[in-house]
PDB file of N, CA and C in Angstrom:
ATOM      1  N   MET A   1     -22.042  10.396  14.224  1.00  0.00           N
ATOM      2  CA  MET A   1     -21.895  10.356  12.776  1.00  0.00           C
ATOM      3  C   MET A   1     -20.461   9.947  12.438  1.00  0.00           C
ATOM      4  N   SER A   2     -20.307   8.999  11.558  1.00  0.00           N
ATOM      5  CA  SER A   2     -18.971   8.525  11.207  1.00  0.00           C
ATOM      6  C   SER A   2     -18.332   9.436  10.157  1.00  0.00           C
ATOM      7  N   ALA A   3     -17.020   9.359  10.077  1.00  0.00           N
ATOM      8  CA  ALA A   3     -16.276  10.169   9.119  1.00  0.00           C
ATOM      9  C   ALA A   3     -16.612   9.718   7.702  1.00  0.00           C
ATOM     10  N   PRO A   4     -16.621  10.648   6.752  1.00  0.00           N
ATOM     11  CA  PRO A   4     -16.878  10.252   5.372  1.00  0.00           C
ATOM     12  C   PRO A   4     -15.750   9.357   4.853  1.00  0.00           C
ATOM     13  N   ILE A   5     -16.094   8.458   3.971  1.00  0.00           N
ATOM     14  CA  ILE A   5     -15.105   7.573   3.360  1.00  0.00           C
ATOM     15  C   ILE A   5     -14.429   8.324   2.221  1.00  0.00           C
ATOM     16  N   ARG A   6     -13.101   8.298   2.206  1.00  0.00           N
ATOM     17  CA  ARG A   6     -12.346   8.876   1.081  1.00  0.00           C
ATOM     18  C   ARG A   6     -11.936   7.745   0.155  1.00  0.00           C
ATOM     19  N   ARG A   7     -12.210   7.905  -1.116  1.00  0.00           N
ATOM     20  CA  ARG A   7     -11.856   6.901  -2.125  1.00  0.00           C
ATOM     21  C   ARG A   7     -10.657   7.393  -2.925  1.00  0.00           C
ATOM     22  N   PHE A   8      -9.749   6.469  -3.231  1.00  0.00           N
ATOM     23  CA  PHE A   8      -8.540   6.806  -3.969  1.00  0.00           C
ATOM     24  C   PHE A   8      -8.380   5.896  -5.176  1.00  0.00           C
ATOM     25  N   GLY A   9      -8.051   6.474  -6.303  1.00  0.00           N
ATOM     26  CA  GLY A   9      -7.679   5.739  -7.506  1.00  0.00           C
ATOM     27  C   GLY A   9      -6.286   6.182  -7.899  1.00  0.00           C
ATOM     28  N   GLN A  10      -5.448   5.209  -8.224  1.00  0.00           N
ATOM     29  CA  GLN A  10      -4.063   5.516  -8.557  1.00  0.00           C
ATOM     30  C   GLN A  10      -3.605   4.615  -9.702  1.00  0.00           C
ATOM     31  N   VAL A  11      -2.651   5.104 -10.476  1.00  0.00           N
ATOM     32  CA  VAL A  11      -2.089   4.313 -11.572  1.00  0.00           C
ATOM     33  C   VAL A  11      -0.572   4.258 -11.451  1.00  0.00           C
ATOM     34  N   LEU A  12      -0.026   3.192 -12.029  1.00  0.00           N
ATOM     35  CA  LEU A  12       1.413   2.951 -11.986  1.00  0.00           C
ATOM     36  C   LEU A  12       1.736   1.914 -13.048  1.00  0.00           C
ATOM     37  N   GLY A  13       2.882   2.047 -13.682  1.00  0.00           N
ATOM     38  CA  GLY A  13       3.302   1.044 -14.659  1.00  0.00           C
ATOM     39  C   GLY A  13       3.868  -0.187 -13.971  1.00  0.00           C
ATOM     40  N   LEU A  14       3.806  -1.316 -14.692  1.00  0.00           N
ATOM     41  CA  LEU A  14       4.399  -2.565 -14.216  1.00  0.00           C
ATOM     42  C   LEU A  14       5.171  -3.184 -15.367  1.00  0.00           C
ATOM     43  N   LYS A  15       6.399  -3.600 -15.100  1.00  0.00           N
ATOM     44  CA  LYS A  15       7.180  -4.284 -16.125  1.00  0.00           C
ATOM     45  C   LYS A  15       6.436  -5.562 -16.497  1.00  0.00           C
ATOM     46  N   ARG A  16       6.106  -5.708 -17.761  1.00  0.00           N
ATOM     47  CA  ARG A  16       5.262  -6.831 -18.200  1.00  0.00           C
ATOM     48  C   ARG A  16       5.833  -8.186 -17.811  1.00  0.00           C
ATOM     49  N   GLU A  17       7.141  -8.309 -17.847  1.00  0.00           N
ATOM     50  CA  GLU A  17       7.756  -9.591 -17.504  1.00  0.00           C
ATOM     51  C   GLU A  17       7.698  -9.880 -16.000  1.00  0.00           C
ATOM     52  N   LYS A  18       7.272  -8.925 -15.214  1.00  0.00           N
ATOM     53  CA  LYS A  18       7.185  -9.096 -13.761  1.00  0.00           C
ATOM     54  C   LYS A  18       5.765  -9.389 -13.272  1.00  0.00           C
ATOM     55  N   LEU A  19       4.794  -9.478 -14.182  1.00  0.00           N
ATOM     56  CA  LEU A  19       3.403  -9.665 -13.767  1.00  0.00           C
ATOM     57  C   LEU A  19       3.220 -10.915 -12.917  1.00  0.00           C
ATOM     58  N   ALA A  20       3.780 -12.043 -13.311  1.00  0.00           N
ATOM     59  CA  ALA A  20       3.600 -13.288 -12.546  1.00  0.00           C
ATOM     60  C   ALA A  20       4.163 -13.136 -11.126  1.00  0.00           C
ATOM     61  N   ALA A  21       5.327 -12.546 -11.007  1.00  0.00           N
ATOM     62  CA  ALA A  21       5.921 -12.352  -9.680  1.00  0.00           C
ATOM     63  C   ALA A  21       5.086 -11.377  -8.848  1.00  0.00           C
ATOM     64  N   TYR A  22       4.608 -10.311  -9.471  1.00  0.00           N
ATOM     65  CA  TYR A  22       3.790  -9.321  -8.766  1.00  0.00           C
ATOM     66  C   TYR A  22       2.521  -9.976  -8.232  1.00  0.00           C
ATOM     67  N   ARG A  23       1.875 -10.773  -9.064  1.00  0.00           N
ATOM     68  CA  ARG A  23       0.672 -11.496  -8.627  1.00  0.00           C
ATOM     69  C   ARG A  23       0.996 -12.445  -7.474  1.00  0.00           C
ATOM     70  N   ALA A  24       2.097 -13.163  -7.589  1.00  0.00           N
ATOM     71  CA  ALA A  24       2.463 -14.144  -6.559  1.00  0.00           C
ATOM     72  C   ALA A  24       2.686 -13.465  -5.206  1.00  0.00           C
ATOM     73  N   TYR A  25       3.375 -12.345  -5.204  1.00  0.00           N
ATOM     74  CA  TYR A  25       3.585 -11.625  -3.938  1.00  0.00           C
ATOM     75  C   TYR A  25       2.253 -11.192  -3.330  1.00  0.00           C
ATOM     76  N   HIS A  26       1.337 -10.724  -4.162  1.00  0.00           N
ATOM     77  CA  HIS A  26       0.070 -10.227  -3.638  1.00  0.00           C
ATOM     78  C   HIS A  26      -0.906 -11.341  -3.265  1.00  0.00           C
ATOM     79  N   GLU A  27      -0.719 -12.513  -3.822  1.00  0.00           N
ATOM     80  CA  GLU A  27      -1.552 -13.657  -3.415  1.00  0.00           C
ATOM     81  C   GLU A  27      -1.203 -14.108  -1.999  1.00  0.00           C
ATOM     82  N   GLU A  28       0.032 -13.857  -1.594  1.00  0.00           N
ATOM     83  CA  GLU A  28       0.469 -14.209  -0.241  1.00  0.00           C
ATOM     84  C   GLU A  28       1.173 -13.017   0.381  1.00  0.00           C
ATOM     85  N   ILE A  29       0.409 -11.920   0.478  1.00  0.00           N
ATOM     86  CA  ILE A  29       0.957 -10.689   1.038  1.00  0.00           C
ATOM     87  C   ILE A  29       1.502 -10.970   2.441  1.00  0.00           C
ATOM     88  N   TRP A  30       2.613 -10.360   2.761  1.00  0.00           N
ATOM     89  CA  TRP A  30       3.221 -10.580   4.070  1.00  0.00           C
ATOM     90  C   TRP A  30       2.251 -10.124   5.166  1.00  0.00           C
ATOM     91  N   PRO A  31       2.106 -10.896   6.215  1.00  0.00           N
ATOM     92  CA  PRO A  31       1.150 -10.547   7.280  1.00  0.00           C
ATOM     93  C   PRO A  31       1.383  -9.167   7.880  1.00  0.00           C
ATOM     94  N   GLU A  32       2.637  -8.761   8.030  1.00  0.00           N
ATOM     95  CA  GLU A  32       2.934  -7.442   8.598  1.00  0.00           C
ATOM     96  C   GLU A  32       2.401  -6.320   7.708  1.00  0.00           C
ATOM     97  N   ILE A  33       2.441  -6.546   6.407  1.00  0.00           N
ATOM     98  CA  ILE A  33       1.982  -5.538   5.460  1.00  0.00           C
ATOM     99  C   ILE A  33       0.463  -5.456   5.492  1.00  0.00           C
ATOM    100  N   ALA A  34      -0.196  -6.602   5.460  1.00  0.00           N
ATOM    101  CA  ALA A  34      -1.661  -6.624   5.523  1.00  0.00           C
ATOM    102  C   ALA A  34      -2.159  -5.963   6.798  1.00  0.00           C
ATOM    103  N   GLN A  35      -1.516  -6.245   7.909  1.00  0.00           N
ATOM    104  CA  GLN A  35      -1.921  -5.656   9.195  1.00  0.00           C
ATOM    105  C   GLN A  35      -1.715  -4.139   9.199  1.00  0.00           C
ATOM    106  N   ALA A  36      -0.589  -3.689   8.674  1.00  0.00           N
ATOM    107  CA  ALA A  36      -0.305  -2.250   8.640  1.00  0.00           C
ATOM    108  C   ALA A  36      -1.323  -1.509   7.773  1.00  0.00           C
ATOM    109  N   ILE A  37      -1.723  -2.111   6.675  1.00  0.00           N
ATOM    110  CA  ILE A  37      -2.730  -1.509   5.804  1.00  0.00           C
ATOM    111  C   ILE A  37      -4.047  -1.363   6.560  1.00  0.00           C
ATOM    112  N   ARG A  38      -4.453  -2.413   7.257  1.00  0.00           N
ATOM    113  CA  ARG A  38      -5.697  -2.351   8.051  1.00  0.00           C
ATOM    114  C   ARG A  38      -5.603  -1.273   9.128  1.00  0.00           C
ATOM    115  N   GLU A  39      -4.480  -1.233   9.840  1.00  0.00           N
ATOM    116  CA  GLU A  39      -4.306  -0.264  10.917  1.00  0.00           C
ATOM    117  C   GLU A  39      -4.304   1.178  10.410  1.00  0.00           C
ATOM    118  N   ALA A  40      -3.939   1.370   9.158  1.00  0.00           N
ATOM    119  CA  ALA A  40      -3.939   2.711   8.570  1.00  0.00           C
ATOM    120  C   ALA A  40      -5.348   3.178   8.221  1.00  0.00           C
ATOM    121  N   GLY A  41      -6.326   2.275   8.306  1.00  0.00           N
ATOM    122  CA  GLY A  41      -7.702   2.633   7.968  1.00  0.00           C
ATOM    123  C   GLY A  41      -8.034   2.393   6.512  1.00  0.00           C
ATOM    124  N   ILE A  42      -7.200   1.635   5.826  1.00  0.00           N
ATOM    125  CA  ILE A  42      -7.433   1.332   4.414  1.00  0.00           C
ATOM    126  C   ILE A  42      -8.282   0.072   4.308  1.00  0.00           C
ATOM    127  N   GLU A  43      -9.369   0.181   3.554  1.00  0.00           N
ATOM    128  CA  GLU A  43     -10.274  -0.937   3.315  1.00  0.00           C
ATOM    129  C   GLU A  43     -10.601  -0.997   1.824  1.00  0.00           C
ATOM    130  N   ASN A  44     -11.164  -2.129   1.421  1.00  0.00           N
ATOM    131  CA  ASN A  44     -11.567  -2.317   0.018  1.00  0.00           C
ATOM    132  C   ASN A  44     -10.422  -1.975  -0.938  1.00  0.00           C
ATOM    133  N   TYR A  45      -9.244  -2.492  -0.641  1.00  0.00           N
ATOM    134  CA  TYR A  45      -8.054  -2.215  -1.435  1.00  0.00           C
ATOM    135  C   TYR A  45      -7.952  -3.257  -2.540  1.00  0.00           C
ATOM    136  N   SER A  46      -7.905  -2.782  -3.767  1.00  0.00           N
ATOM    137  CA  SER A  46      -7.776  -3.654  -4.929  1.00  0.00           C
ATOM    138  C   SER A  46      -6.733  -3.081  -5.870  1.00  0.00           C
ATOM    139  N   ILE A  47      -6.030  -3.975  -6.552  1.00  0.00           N
ATOM    140  CA  ILE A  47      -5.116  -3.565  -7.612  1.00  0.00           C
ATOM    141  C   ILE A  47      -5.498  -4.371  -8.851  1.00  0.00           C
ATOM    142  N   PHE A  48      -5.688  -3.665  -9.945  1.00  0.00           N
ATOM    143  CA  PHE A  48      -6.049  -4.284 -11.219  1.00  0.00           C
ATOM    144  C   PHE A  48      -4.894  -4.097 -12.197  1.00  0.00           C
ATOM    145  N   TYR A  49      -4.817  -4.974 -13.190  1.00  0.00           N
ATOM    146  CA  TYR A  49      -3.750  -4.914 -14.188  1.00  0.00           C
ATOM    147  C   TYR A  49      -4.341  -4.936 -15.592  1.00  0.00           C
ATOM    148  N   ARG A  50      -3.765  -4.126 -16.469  1.00  0.00           N
ATOM    149  CA  ARG A  50      -4.114  -4.168 -17.889  1.00  0.00           C
ATOM    150  C   ARG A  50      -2.952  -3.615 -18.704  1.00  0.00           C
ATOM    151  N   GLU A  51      -2.416  -4.449 -19.571  1.00  0.00           N
ATOM    152  CA  GLU A  51      -1.414  -4.049 -20.555  1.00  0.00           C
ATOM    153  C   GLU A  51      -0.306  -3.142 -20.000  1.00  0.00           C
ATOM    154  N   GLY A  52       0.366  -3.631 -18.972  1.00  0.00           N
ATOM    155  CA  GLY A  52       1.501  -2.902 -18.418  1.00  0.00           C
ATOM    156  C   GLY A  52       1.141  -1.810 -17.427  1.00  0.00           C
ATOM    157  N   GLN A  53      -0.139  -1.688 -17.091  1.00  0.00           N
ATOM    158  CA  GLN A  53      -0.576  -0.652 -16.161  1.00  0.00           C
ATOM    159  C   GLN A  53      -1.294  -1.264 -14.965  1.00  0.00           C
ATOM    160  N   LEU A  54      -1.002  -0.745 -13.794  1.00  0.00           N
ATOM    161  CA  LEU A  54      -1.716  -1.111 -12.581  1.00  0.00           C
ATOM    162  C   LEU A  54      -2.684   0.016 -12.246  1.00  0.00           C
ATOM    163  N   PHE A  55      -3.856  -0.358 -11.790  1.00  0.00           N
ATOM    164  CA  PHE A  55      -4.822   0.597 -11.266  1.00  0.00           C
ATOM    165  C   PHE A  55      -5.125   0.172  -9.845  1.00  0.00           C
ATOM    166  N   GLY A  56      -4.853   1.025  -8.888  1.00  0.00           N
ATOM    167  CA  GLY A  56      -5.118   0.733  -7.488  1.00  0.00           C
ATOM    168  C   GLY A  56      -6.313   1.525  -6.995  1.00  0.00           C
ATOM    169  N   TYR A  57      -7.137   0.865  -6.194  1.00  0.00           N
ATOM    170  CA  TYR A  57      -8.296   1.524  -5.592  1.00  0.00           C
ATOM    171  C   TYR A  57      -8.323   1.157  -4.120  1.00  0.00           C
ATOM    172  N   TYR A  58      -8.541   2.151  -3.271  1.00  0.00           N
ATOM    173  CA  TYR A  58      -8.749   1.872  -1.858  1.00  0.00           C
ATOM    174  C   TYR A  58      -9.626   2.941  -1.237  1.00  0.00           C
ATOM    175  N   GLU A  59     -10.169   2.599  -0.087  1.00  0.00           N
ATOM    176  CA  GLU A  59     -10.978   3.531   0.678  1.00  0.00           C
ATOM    177  C   GLU A  59     -10.305   3.760   2.023  1.00  0.00           C
ATOM    178  N   TYR A  60     -10.291   5.026   2.431  1.00  0.00           N
ATOM    179  CA  TYR A  60      -9.784   5.370   3.751  1.00  0.00           C
ATOM    180  C   TYR A  60     -10.976   5.559   4.673  1.00  0.00           C
ATOM    181  N   HIS A  61     -11.007   4.766   5.741  1.00  0.00           N
ATOM    182  CA  HIS A  61     -12.051   4.833   6.756  1.00  0.00           C
ATOM    183  C   HIS A  61     -11.410   5.336   8.043  1.00  0.00           C
ATOM    184  N   GLY A  62     -11.549   6.593   8.286  1.00  0.00           N
ATOM    185  CA  GLY A  62     -10.968   7.170   9.489  1.00  0.00           C
ATOM    186  C   GLY A  62     -11.162   8.666   9.502  1.00  0.00           C
ATOM    187  N   PRO A  63     -10.800   9.286  10.599  1.00  0.00           N
ATOM    188  CA  PRO A  63     -10.946  10.741  10.697  1.00  0.00           C
ATOM    189  C   PRO A  63     -10.099  11.443   9.630  1.00  0.00           C
ATOM    190  N   PRO A  64     -10.688  12.383   8.905  1.00  0.00           N
ATOM    191  CA  PRO A  64      -9.936  13.084   7.856  1.00  0.00           C
ATOM    192  C   PRO A  64      -8.643  13.724   8.365  1.00  0.00           C
ATOM    193  N   GLU A  65      -8.696  14.252   9.579  1.00  0.00           N
ATOM    194  CA  GLU A  65      -7.523  14.941  10.112  1.00  0.00           C
ATOM    195  C   GLU A  65      -6.386  13.978  10.471  1.00  0.00           C
ATOM    196  N   GLU A  66      -6.652  12.675  10.484  1.00  0.00           N
ATOM    197  CA  GLU A  66      -5.621  11.683  10.792  1.00  0.00           C
ATOM    198  C   GLU A  66      -5.018  11.029   9.551  1.00  0.00           C
ATOM    199  N   TYR A  67      -5.534  11.347   8.378  1.00  0.00           N
ATOM    200  CA  TYR A  67      -5.096  10.637   7.168  1.00  0.00           C
ATOM    201  C   TYR A  67      -3.580  10.713   6.961  1.00  0.00           C
ATOM    202  N   GLU A  68      -3.029  11.897   6.947  1.00  0.00           N
ATOM    203  CA  GLU A  68      -1.589  12.041   6.684  1.00  0.00           C
ATOM    204  C   GLU A  68      -0.755  11.305   7.731  1.00  0.00           C
ATOM    205  N   ALA A  69      -1.114  11.425   9.000  1.00  0.00           N
ATOM    206  CA  ALA A  69      -0.368  10.751  10.063  1.00  0.00           C
ATOM    207  C   ALA A  69      -0.461   9.237   9.910  1.00  0.00           C
ATOM    208  N   ARG A  70      -1.630   8.737   9.528  1.00  0.00           N
ATOM    209  CA  ARG A  70      -1.784   7.289   9.341  1.00  0.00           C
ATOM    210  C   ARG A  70      -0.975   6.795   8.145  1.00  0.00           C
ATOM    211  N   MET A  71      -0.895   7.591   7.090  1.00  0.00           N
ATOM    212  CA  MET A  71      -0.092   7.186   5.928  1.00  0.00           C
ATOM    213  C   MET A  71       1.395   7.222   6.275  1.00  0.00           C
ATOM    214  N   ASP A  72       1.797   8.188   7.094  1.00  0.00           N
ATOM    215  CA  ASP A  72       3.191   8.239   7.560  1.00  0.00           C
ATOM    216  C   ASP A  72       3.509   7.012   8.414  1.00  0.00           C
ATOM    217  N   ALA A  73       2.581   6.641   9.292  1.00  0.00           N
ATOM    218  CA  ALA A  73       2.782   5.453  10.135  1.00  0.00           C
ATOM    219  C   ALA A  73       2.839   4.199   9.270  1.00  0.00           C
ATOM    220  N   LEU A  74       2.012   4.137   8.248  1.00  0.00           N
ATOM    221  CA  LEU A  74       2.038   2.995   7.327  1.00  0.00           C
ATOM    222  C   LEU A  74       3.411   2.877   6.662  1.00  0.00           C
ATOM    223  N   ALA A  75       3.964   3.989   6.247  1.00  0.00           N
ATOM    224  CA  ALA A  75       5.280   3.984   5.599  1.00  0.00           C
ATOM    225  C   ALA A  75       6.382   3.499   6.540  1.00  0.00           C
ATOM    226  N   ARG A  76       6.187   3.681   7.843  1.00  0.00           N
ATOM    227  CA  ARG A  76       7.183   3.261   8.835  1.00  0.00           C
ATOM    228  C   ARG A  76       6.896   1.881   9.425  1.00  0.00           C
ATOM    229  N   ALA A  77       5.843   1.235   8.967  1.00  0.00           N
ATOM    230  CA  ALA A  77       5.457  -0.067   9.522  1.00  0.00           C
ATOM    231  C   ALA A  77       6.572  -1.097   9.331  1.00  0.00           C
ATOM    232  N   PRO A  78       6.655  -2.079  10.250  1.00  0.00           N
ATOM    233  CA  PRO A  78       7.675  -3.131  10.120  1.00  0.00           C
ATOM    234  C   PRO A  78       7.614  -3.800   8.743  1.00  0.00           C
ATOM    235  N   ARG A  79       8.739  -3.887   8.105  1.00  0.00           N
ATOM    236  CA  ARG A  79       8.950  -4.550   6.821  1.00  0.00           C
ATOM    237  C   ARG A  79       8.377  -3.789   5.624  1.00  0.00           C
ATOM    238  N   MET A  80       7.756  -2.613   5.839  1.00  0.00           N
ATOM    239  CA  MET A  80       7.177  -1.888   4.700  1.00  0.00           C
ATOM    240  C   MET A  80       8.239  -1.487   3.693  1.00  0.00           C
ATOM    241  N   ARG A  81       9.363  -0.950   4.176  1.00  0.00           N
ATOM    242  CA  ARG A  81      10.411  -0.554   3.223  1.00  0.00           C
ATOM    243  C   ARG A  81      10.907  -1.770   2.452  1.00  0.00           C
ATOM    244  N   GLU A  82      11.025  -2.908   3.100  1.00  0.00           N
ATOM    245  CA  GLU A  82      11.443  -4.145   2.432  1.00  0.00           C
ATOM    246  C   GLU A  82      10.438  -4.523   1.349  1.00  0.00           C
ATOM    247  N   TRP A  83       9.141  -4.460   1.675  1.00  0.00           N
ATOM    248  CA  TRP A  83       8.076  -4.765   0.705  1.00  0.00           C
ATOM    249  C   TRP A  83       8.148  -3.810  -0.491  1.00  0.00           C
ATOM    250  N   TRP A  84       8.293  -2.517  -0.187  1.00  0.00           N
ATOM    251  CA  TRP A  84       8.358  -1.536  -1.268  1.00  0.00           C
ATOM    252  C   TRP A  84       9.583  -1.754  -2.153  1.00  0.00           C
ATOM    253  N   ASP A  85      10.708  -2.128  -1.567  1.00  0.00           N
ATOM    254  CA  ASP A  85      11.898  -2.386  -2.373  1.00  0.00           C
ATOM    255  C   ASP A  85      11.641  -3.503  -3.379  1.00  0.00           C
ATOM    256  N   VAL A  86      10.939  -4.538  -2.955  1.00  0.00           N
ATOM    257  CA  VAL A  86      10.604  -5.652  -3.861  1.00  0.00           C
ATOM    258  C   VAL A  86       9.630  -5.174  -4.931  1.00  0.00           C
ATOM    259  N   MET A  87       8.569  -4.458  -4.529  1.00  0.00           N
ATOM    260  CA  MET A  87       7.547  -4.005  -5.475  1.00  0.00           C
ATOM    261  C   MET A  87       8.102  -2.973  -6.449  1.00  0.00           C
ATOM    262  N   GLU A  88       8.840  -2.006  -5.940  1.00  0.00           N
ATOM    263  CA  GLU A  88       9.336  -0.924  -6.789  1.00  0.00           C
ATOM    264  C   GLU A  88      10.267  -1.414  -7.886  1.00  0.00           C
ATOM    265  N   ALA A  89      10.973  -2.512  -7.641  1.00  0.00           N
ATOM    266  CA  ALA A  89      11.852  -3.070  -8.669  1.00  0.00           C
ATOM    267  C   ALA A  89      11.052  -3.605  -9.856  1.00  0.00           C
ATOM    268  N   MET A  90       9.757  -3.854  -9.667  1.00  0.00           N
ATOM    269  CA  MET A  90       8.895  -4.373 -10.731  1.00  0.00           C
ATOM    270  C   MET A  90       8.064  -3.280 -11.399  1.00  0.00           C
ATOM    271  N   GLN A  91       8.054  -2.109 -10.810  1.00  0.00           N
ATOM    272  CA  GLN A  91       7.133  -1.066 -11.241  1.00  0.00           C
ATOM    273  C   GLN A  91       7.819   0.029 -12.051  1.00  0.00           C
ATOM    274  N   ILE A  92       6.989   0.787 -12.781  1.00  0.00           N
ATOM    275  CA  ILE A  92       7.467   1.903 -13.590  1.00  0.00           C
ATOM    276  C   ILE A  92       6.618   3.120 -13.235  1.00  0.00           C
ATOM    277  N   PRO A  93       7.142   4.016 -12.409  1.00  0.00           N
ATOM    278  CA  PRO A  93       6.350   5.189 -12.038  1.00  0.00           C
ATOM    279  C   PRO A  93       6.222   6.174 -13.207  1.00  0.00           C
ATOM    280  N   ASP A  94       5.135   6.920 -13.217  1.00  0.00           N
ATOM    281  CA  ASP A  94       4.901   7.953 -14.216  1.00  0.00           C
ATOM    282  C   ASP A  94       5.908   9.076 -14.003  1.00  0.00           C
ATOM    283  N   PRO A  95       6.647   9.463 -15.038  1.00  0.00           N
ATOM    284  CA  PRO A  95       7.639  10.525 -14.850  1.00  0.00           C
ATOM    285  C   PRO A  95       7.007  11.873 -14.485  1.00  0.00           C
ATOM    286  N   ASP A  96       5.716  12.039 -14.746  1.00  0.00           N
ATOM    287  CA  ASP A  96       5.026  13.295 -14.442  1.00  0.00           C
ATOM    288  C   ASP A  96       4.290  13.271 -13.102  1.00  0.00           C
ATOM    289  N   ARG A  97       4.540  12.245 -12.286  1.00  0.00           N
ATOM    290  CA  ARG A  97       3.847  12.161 -10.999  1.00  0.00           C
ATOM    291  C   ARG A  97       4.267  13.304 -10.081  1.00  0.00           C
ATOM    292  N   VAL A  98       3.471  13.513  -9.047  1.00  0.00           N
ATOM    293  CA  VAL A  98       3.774  14.549  -8.065  1.00  0.00           C
ATOM    294  C   VAL A  98       5.085  14.181  -7.361  1.00  0.00           C
ATOM    295  N   PRO A  99       6.012  15.125  -7.246  1.00  0.00           N
ATOM    296  CA  PRO A  99       7.272  14.824  -6.553  1.00  0.00           C
ATOM    297  C   PRO A  99       7.017  14.247  -5.158  1.00  0.00           C
ATOM    298  N   GLY A 100       7.787  13.222  -4.816  1.00  0.00           N
ATOM    299  CA  GLY A 100       7.659  12.586  -3.515  1.00  0.00           C
ATOM    300  C   GLY A 100       6.637  11.468  -3.475  1.00  0.00           C
ATOM    301  N   THR A 101       5.969  11.193  -4.599  1.00  0.00           N
ATOM    302  CA  THR A 101       4.993  10.114  -4.652  1.00  0.00           C
ATOM    303  C   THR A 101       5.516   9.007  -5.564  1.00  0.00           C
ATOM    304  N   TRP A 102       4.893   7.846  -5.504  1.00  0.00           N
ATOM    305  CA  TRP A 102       5.268   6.731  -6.371  1.00  0.00           C
ATOM    306  C   TRP A 102       4.109   6.421  -7.325  1.00  0.00           C
ATOM    307  N   TRP A 103       2.929   6.168  -6.771  1.00  0.00           N
ATOM    308  CA  TRP A 103       1.728   5.993  -7.584  1.00  0.00           C
ATOM    309  C   TRP A 103       1.225   7.385  -7.988  1.00  0.00           C
ATOM    310  N   SER A 104       0.588   7.477  -9.143  1.00  0.00           N
ATOM    311  CA  SER A 104      -0.018   8.738  -9.581  1.00  0.00           C
ATOM    312  C   SER A 104      -1.492   8.736  -9.201  1.00  0.00           C
ATOM    313  N   ASP A 105      -1.889   9.729  -8.424  1.00  0.00           N
ATOM    314  CA  ASP A 105      -3.285   9.835  -8.011  1.00  0.00           C
ATOM    315  C   ASP A 105      -4.174  10.261  -9.168  1.00  0.00           C
ATOM    316  N   MET A 106      -5.414   9.794  -9.111  1.00  0.00           N
ATOM    317  CA  MET A 106      -6.423  10.152 -10.101  1.00  0.00           C
ATOM    318  C   MET A 106      -7.507  10.971  -9.405  1.00  0.00           C
ATOM    319  N   ASP A 107      -8.180  11.814 -10.168  1.00  0.00           N
ATOM    320  CA  ASP A 107      -9.312  12.570  -9.642  1.00  0.00           C
ATOM    321  C   ASP A 107     -10.581  11.767  -9.845  1.00  0.00           C
ATOM    322  N   GLU A 108     -11.391  11.676  -8.798  1.00  0.00           N
ATOM    323  CA  GLU A 108     -12.679  11.006  -8.920  1.00  0.00           C
ATOM    324  C   GLU A 108     -13.637  11.936  -9.661  1.00  0.00           C
ATOM    325  N   VAL A 109     -14.242  11.436 -10.727  1.00  0.00           N
ATOM    326  CA  VAL A 109     -15.185  12.243 -11.490  1.00  0.00           C
ATOM    327  C   VAL A 109     -16.623  11.737 -11.352  1.00  0.00           C
ATOM    328  N   PHE A 110     -16.799  10.539 -10.792  1.00  0.00           N
ATOM    329  CA  PHE A 110     -18.138  10.011 -10.611  1.00  0.00           C
ATOM    330  C   PHE A 110     -18.100   8.917  -9.555  1.00  0.00           C
ATOM    331  N   HIS A 111     -19.157   8.863  -8.768  1.00  0.00           N
ATOM    332  CA  HIS A 111     -19.321   7.787  -7.802  1.00  0.00           C
ATOM    333  C   HIS A 111     -20.800   7.568  -7.564  1.00  0.00           C
ATOM    334  N   GLN A 112     -21.189   6.294  -7.490  1.00  0.00           N
ATOM    335  CA  GLN A 112     -22.571   5.940  -7.155  1.00  0.00           C
ATOM    336  C   GLN A 112     -22.544   4.778  -6.194  1.00  0.00           C
ATOM    337  N   ASP A 113     -23.232   4.896  -5.075  1.00  0.00           N
ATOM    338  CA  ASP A 113     -23.374   3.793  -4.126  1.00  0.00           C
ATOM    339  C   ASP A 113     -24.499   2.886  -4.582  1.00  0.00           C
TER     340      ASP A 113
END
């Protein structure tokens, strides 16, 4: 039996004048970043934009007990800090987010396969 899929929804602000640059970076995501995301067990990763807000969705496919370790490894992946430095300069985090986080997590209230 395979591990259950964990779904994540997150929100984050984006400086409106940075939308074109943000899109351009994600249209040609750095290969090291794409590979690190896959290795972390993240699949079906999408980011949507509406009126200064980003909505991110991804699924974690892996053993539940490995999630935190895989996210830590993702944070240490080659060039990840460089990628985040570029992205974070365009983003506006929620001031009420959980300390130590950048994106604000959302609670799933409904899901249908």
